[in-house]
Protein backbone atom coordinates (compact mmCIF):
# COMPACT_ATOMS: atom_id res chain seq x y z
CA GLN A 1 0.00 -0.03 -0.01
CA VAL A 2 1.33 3.40 -1.06
CA GLN A 3 2.12 5.75 1.85
CA LEU A 4 3.21 9.39 1.86
CA VAL A 5 5.00 11.10 4.73
CA GLU A 6 5.46 14.85 4.43
CA SER A 7 7.89 16.84 6.57
CA GLY A 8 9.68 20.15 6.73
CA GLY A 9 6.81 22.53 7.60
CA THR A 10 7.35 25.09 10.36
CA LEU A 11 6.79 28.71 11.38
CA VAL A 12 8.72 31.17 9.29
CA GLN A 13 8.76 34.90 8.56
CA SER A 14 7.69 36.60 5.39
CA GLY A 15 10.49 36.40 2.85
CA ASP A 16 12.06 33.33 4.33
CA SER A 17 12.76 30.07 2.47
CA LEU A 18 11.74 26.53 3.34
CA GLN A 19 12.01 23.10 1.80
CA LEU A 20 9.31 20.47 2.17
CA SER A 21 10.06 16.75 1.73
CA CYS A 22 7.77 13.84 1.01
CA LYS A 23 8.75 10.14 1.34
CA PHE A 24 6.84 8.05 -1.19
CA SER A 25 6.69 4.39 -0.30
CA GLY A 26 5.36 2.99 -3.56
CA ASN A 27 6.64 2.74 -7.09
CA MET A 28 6.69 6.34 -8.43
CA ALA A 29 6.83 5.02 -12.04
CA ASP A 30 3.26 3.64 -11.54
CA TYR A 31 1.99 7.24 -11.65
CA GLY A 32 1.91 10.02 -14.26
CA THR A 33 2.43 13.09 -12.08
CA ILE A 34 3.22 13.96 -8.50
CA GLY A 35 3.38 17.29 -6.69
CA TRP A 36 2.02 19.38 -3.85
CA PHE A 37 -1.37 20.58 -2.76
CA ARG A 38 -2.16 22.97 0.08
CA GLN A 39 -5.19 23.73 2.17
CA ALA A 40 -5.62 26.88 4.21
CA PRO A 41 -8.24 27.09 6.96
CA GLY A 42 -11.73 27.61 5.47
CA LYS A 43 -10.47 27.14 1.90
CA GLU A 44 -10.51 24.34 -0.67
CA ARG A 45 -7.41 22.23 -1.19
CA GLU A 46 -5.56 23.47 -4.21
CA GLY A 47 -2.75 22.17 -6.34
CA VAL A 48 0.37 24.33 -6.26
CA SER A 49 3.14 22.38 -8.03
CA CYS A 50 3.34 19.40 -10.31
CA ILE A 51 6.05 17.40 -11.95
CA SER A 52 5.72 14.75 -14.69
CA ILE A 53 7.29 11.58 -13.42
CA GLU A 54 8.43 10.43 -16.85
CA SER A 55 9.62 13.72 -18.43
CA GLY A 56 10.40 15.84 -15.41
CA ALA A 57 8.42 18.76 -16.79
CA THR A 58 6.98 21.03 -14.09
CA ASP A 59 4.17 23.45 -13.77
CA TYR A 60 2.92 25.69 -10.97
CA LYS A 61 -0.05 27.63 -9.70
CA ASP A 62 0.33 31.20 -10.93
CA SER A 63 0.70 32.67 -7.39
CA VAL A 64 3.83 30.52 -6.68
CA LYS A 65 5.53 30.67 -10.02
CA GLY A 66 9.08 31.91 -9.68
CA ARG A 67 9.05 31.17 -5.93
CA PHE A 68 8.31 27.40 -5.60
CA THR A 69 10.33 24.59 -7.23
CA VAL A 70 9.19 20.97 -7.21
CA SER A 71 11.62 18.10 -7.74
CA THR A 72 11.92 14.34 -7.31
CA ASP A 73 14.71 11.90 -6.50
CA LYS A 74 13.56 8.66 -7.98
CA GLY A 75 16.47 6.79 -6.40
CA THR A 76 15.24 7.56 -2.91
CA ASN A 77 11.51 7.95 -3.79
CA MET A 78 11.49 11.50 -2.42
CA VAL A 79 9.58 14.51 -3.58
CA PHE A 80 10.71 18.01 -2.61
CA GLN A 81 9.26 21.49 -2.81
CA GLN A 82 11.64 24.43 -2.39
CA MET A 83 9.68 27.53 -1.37
CA ASN A 84 11.44 30.91 -1.53
CA ASN A 85 10.18 34.42 -0.64
CA LEU A 86 7.35 32.97 1.41
CA LYS A 87 4.31 35.15 1.97
CA PRO A 88 1.56 35.05 4.64
CA GLU A 89 -0.88 33.83 2.03
CA ASP A 90 1.27 30.72 1.62
CA THR A 91 0.21 29.59 5.14
CA ALA A 92 -1.46 26.22 4.79
CA THR A 93 -1.12 22.55 5.37
CA TYR A 94 0.88 21.11 2.48
CA TYR A 95 0.36 17.60 1.07
CA CYS A 96 2.18 15.67 -1.65
CA ALA A 97 0.08 13.43 -3.78
CA PRO A 98 0.57 11.19 -6.84
CA ALA A 99 -1.86 11.05 -9.74
CA PHE A 100 -2.27 8.59 -12.60
CA ASP A 101 -3.07 11.43 -15.00
CA THR A 102 -0.02 12.58 -16.92
CA SER A 103 -1.13 16.19 -17.36
CA CYS A 104 0.06 18.84 -14.98
CA HIS A 105 -2.60 21.12 -16.38
CA TRP A 106 -5.15 18.66 -14.96
CA TYR A 107 -3.23 18.18 -11.75
CA LEU A 108 -3.35 21.94 -11.01
CA SER A 109 -6.97 22.43 -12.11
CA PRO A 110 -9.66 23.10 -9.44
CA GLY A 111 -11.22 19.92 -8.08
CA SER A 112 -8.46 17.55 -9.20
CA ASP A 113 -7.93 16.49 -5.60
CA GLN A 114 -11.26 14.76 -5.68
CA TYR A 115 -9.81 12.21 -8.05
CA ILE A 116 -6.67 11.55 -5.95
CA SER A 117 -7.06 8.73 -3.40
CA ILE A 118 -3.69 8.71 -1.66
CA TRP A 119 -2.84 11.41 0.82
CA GLY A 120 -0.34 11.78 3.64
CA GLN A 121 -0.90 13.58 6.91
CA GLY A 122 0.40 16.85 5.58
CA THR A 123 2.89 19.33 7.04
CA GLN A 124 1.98 22.74 8.37
CA VAL A 125 3.65 25.88 6.99
CA THR A 126 2.91 29.12 8.75
CA VAL A 127 4.30 32.38 7.38
CA SER A 128 4.16 35.38 9.72
CA SER A 129 4.15 38.91 8.37
């Protein structure tokens, strides 16, 4: 059974950098895309970053482009998200999740999380102003 364990979240100040990590216990090659979602209190869960497992192509939610970078290490089955110039609006619980769909456009579209069945416990990122 695939399991995901996210880590790296903490309290930081606006402008700081942080790297999130996700240990993926299954076979990453069984999926088309993997990336990160986040959910802030009272808001819907949203996709923020996506990477194609086969090609390595990436895509991002507009509000994080140029600040977040998603990457994978297939040798260790790890997924990372480097977050720079963090803003208070980035405050959320962050989850990594794999999807069978190969399209990052789909992965980042509203409601895609409803079709993803594997979730970790998430890691909390809080950005103070």
